[in-house]
Amino acid sequence: MPPFTLETATQKVRGAEDAWNSRDPERVALVYTEDTEWRNRAEFPKGREAVKQFLKRKWEKELDYRLIKELWAFGDNRLAVRFAYEWRDDSGNWFRSYGNENWEFTEAGLMRRRFASINDLPIKPDERLYHWPLGGRPDDHPGLSALGL
């Protein structure tokens, strides 16, 4: 919960990564306020229910989704995060999506605002770097910096 320290900010980011890797919209949405505001590419969901619907659509399209997040910077109630995730479409084309997020939290630790900028890079199957079983990233799997991303 805010105010963040390096340790608590790092824990918050890893918790978010684990939740998103579950690909469970209900679980992920619980960390956002009822009136949360998002910007994700060209979509602007407002409210927890809109976030759930957004995530359902996302993971119906982005198959075999695996994500790594890394803390970039933090302040009292704000975190800056960079991330990369790999996924494939229903035609078997693989992508690595890179991005940055800015998060703002309430005193209770719920995320009030999430602003994401994301770019997609087509990759060949042999260029994939994330090979763990679907779900949370294993603790011994390298993070973004260690992978050179």
Protein backbone atom coordinates (compact mmCIF):
# COMPACT_ATOMS: atom_id res chain seq x y z
CA MET A 1 0.00 0.00 0.00
CA PRO A 2 1.14 3.55 -0.58
CA PRO A 3 3.40 5.21 0.19
CA PHE A 4 5.68 2.81 -1.67
CA THR A 5 9.21 1.79 -0.84
CA LEU A 6 11.46 0.02 -3.34
CA GLU A 7 10.53 -3.29 -1.73
CA THR A 8 6.76 -2.73 -1.66
CA ALA A 9 6.73 -1.24 -5.17
CA THR A 10 8.62 -4.28 -6.50
CA GLN A 11 6.17 -6.61 -4.73
CA LYS A 12 3.20 -4.71 -6.19
CA VAL A 13 4.58 -5.08 -9.72
CA ARG A 14 5.26 -8.82 -9.33
CA GLY A 15 1.78 -9.32 -7.88
CA ALA A 16 0.28 -7.57 -10.90
CA GLU A 17 2.37 -9.71 -13.25
CA ASP A 18 1.21 -12.90 -11.52
CA ALA A 19 -2.43 -11.81 -11.67
CA TRP A 20 -2.26 -10.92 -15.38
CA ASN A 21 -0.53 -14.22 -16.16
CA SER A 22 -3.53 -16.00 -14.64
CA ARG A 23 -5.58 -14.58 -17.54
CA ASP A 24 -8.53 -14.41 -15.13
CA PRO A 25 -10.43 -11.12 -15.65
CA GLU A 26 -12.30 -11.52 -12.35
CA ARG A 27 -9.05 -11.89 -10.38
CA VAL A 28 -7.25 -9.09 -12.19
CA ALA A 29 -10.14 -6.63 -11.86
CA LEU A 30 -10.20 -6.89 -8.04
CA VAL A 31 -7.13 -4.64 -7.71
CA TYR A 32 -8.85 -1.71 -9.48
CA THR A 33 -11.26 0.81 -7.98
CA GLU A 34 -14.91 0.61 -9.01
CA ASP A 35 -14.42 3.85 -10.98
CA THR A 36 -10.94 3.06 -12.34
CA GLU A 37 -9.79 4.94 -15.46
CA TRP A 38 -7.66 3.25 -18.13
CA ARG A 39 -5.97 4.03 -21.38
CA ASN A 40 -4.88 0.91 -23.23
CA ARG A 41 -3.87 1.47 -26.83
CA ALA A 42 -6.95 3.12 -28.36
CA GLU A 43 -9.39 1.90 -25.68
CA PHE A 44 -10.41 3.89 -22.62
CA PRO A 45 -12.30 1.57 -20.24
CA LYS A 46 -13.87 3.28 -17.24
CA GLY A 47 -14.91 1.26 -14.23
CA ARG A 48 -14.11 -2.21 -12.96
CA GLU A 49 -16.84 -3.90 -15.03
CA ALA A 50 -15.55 -2.32 -18.26
CA VAL A 51 -12.04 -3.53 -17.33
CA LYS A 52 -13.34 -7.10 -16.91
CA GLN A 53 -14.97 -6.98 -20.35
CA PHE A 54 -11.81 -5.52 -21.88
CA LEU A 55 -9.67 -8.30 -20.36
CA LYS A 56 -12.05 -11.03 -21.55
CA ARG A 57 -11.77 -9.73 -25.13
CA LYS A 58 -8.00 -9.34 -24.79
CA TRP A 59 -7.34 -12.92 -23.73
CA GLU A 60 -9.75 -14.34 -26.31
CA LYS A 61 -7.52 -12.71 -28.95
CA GLU A 62 -4.06 -12.96 -27.34
CA LEU A 63 -3.55 -16.71 -26.96
CA ASP A 64 -0.75 -18.39 -24.97
CA TYR A 65 -0.19 -15.04 -23.20
CA ARG A 66 2.94 -14.79 -21.02
CA LEU A 67 3.96 -11.49 -19.40
CA ILE A 68 6.94 -10.03 -17.56
CA LYS A 69 6.68 -6.67 -15.76
CA GLU A 70 9.50 -4.64 -14.24
CA LEU A 71 9.43 -1.64 -11.93
CA TRP A 72 10.82 1.45 -13.65
CA ALA A 73 10.20 4.17 -11.03
CA PHE A 74 7.99 4.90 -8.03
CA GLY A 75 6.65 7.70 -5.88
CA ASP A 76 4.28 7.97 -2.94
CA ASN A 77 1.21 6.50 -4.65
CA ARG A 78 2.44 6.04 -8.23
CA LEU A 79 4.42 3.38 -10.06
CA ALA A 80 5.95 3.40 -13.53
CA VAL A 81 6.28 -0.07 -15.03
CA ARG A 82 7.71 -1.45 -18.23
CA PHE A 83 6.64 -4.80 -19.60
CA ALA A 84 6.86 -7.22 -22.47
CA TYR A 85 4.56 -10.12 -23.21
CA GLU A 86 4.43 -12.83 -25.85
CA TRP A 87 1.29 -14.19 -27.43
CA ARG A 88 -0.03 -15.73 -30.63
CA ASP A 89 -3.13 -15.08 -32.66
CA ASP A 90 -5.58 -17.75 -33.80
CA SER A 91 -3.59 -18.16 -37.05
CA GLY A 92 -0.44 -19.13 -35.15
CA ASN A 93 1.41 -15.82 -35.66
CA TRP A 94 3.57 -14.87 -32.66
CA PHE A 95 4.09 -11.37 -31.25
CA ARG A 96 6.05 -9.69 -28.51
CA SER A 97 4.26 -6.65 -27.17
CA TYR A 98 6.36 -4.01 -25.41
CA GLY A 99 5.01 -1.24 -23.27
CA ASN A 100 5.03 1.15 -20.37
CA GLU A 101 2.37 1.72 -17.76
CA ASN A 102 1.76 4.50 -15.28
CA TRP A 103 -0.25 3.47 -12.23
CA GLU A 104 -1.91 5.62 -9.54
CA PHE A 105 -3.25 4.08 -6.32
CA THR A 106 -5.69 5.01 -3.59
CA GLU A 107 -4.64 5.00 0.07
CA ALA A 108 -6.22 1.53 0.32
CA GLY A 109 -3.88 0.23 -2.39
CA LEU A 110 -6.41 -0.11 -5.23
CA MET A 111 -5.40 1.16 -8.65
CA ARG A 112 -7.37 4.25 -9.61
CA ARG A 113 -5.64 4.98 -12.93
CA ARG A 114 -3.73 2.87 -15.45
CA PHE A 115 -2.26 4.43 -18.58
CA ALA A 116 -0.56 2.00 -20.97
CA SER A 117 1.35 2.54 -24.20
CA ILE A 118 1.99 -0.66 -26.16
CA ASN A 119 3.74 -1.67 -29.39
CA ASP A 120 3.46 -5.10 -31.05
CA LEU A 121 6.38 -6.76 -32.81
CA PRO A 122 5.80 -9.86 -34.95
CA ILE A 123 8.30 -12.57 -34.00
CA LYS A 124 9.14 -16.01 -35.34
CA PRO A 125 8.39 -18.98 -33.08
CA ASP A 126 12.13 -19.58 -32.59
CA GLU A 127 12.53 -15.97 -31.35
CA ARG A 128 10.25 -16.56 -28.38
CA LEU A 129 11.86 -16.08 -24.97
CA TYR A 130 9.00 -17.06 -22.65
CA HIS A 131 8.59 -20.84 -22.52
CA TRP A 132 7.23 -21.52 -19.05
CA PRO A 133 3.89 -23.35 -18.68
CA LEU A 134 0.88 -21.02 -18.82
CA GLY A 135 0.37 -19.22 -15.53
CA GLY A 136 2.76 -17.34 -13.29
CA ARG A 137 6.40 -16.84 -14.30
CA PRO A 138 8.67 -19.18 -12.34
CA ASP A 139 10.87 -17.42 -9.79
CA ASP A 140 14.03 -18.64 -11.54
CA HIS A 141 12.98 -17.31 -14.97
CA PRO A 142 14.94 -14.18 -15.96
CA GLY A 143 13.21 -10.80 -15.95
CA LEU A 144 13.22 -8.16 -18.69
CA SER A 145 16.63 -6.69 -17.93
CA ALA A 146 18.30 -10.11 -17.72
CA LEU A 147 16.73 -11.03 -21.09
CA GLY A 148 18.02 -7.84 -22.68
CA LEU A 149 14.53 -6.51 -23.25
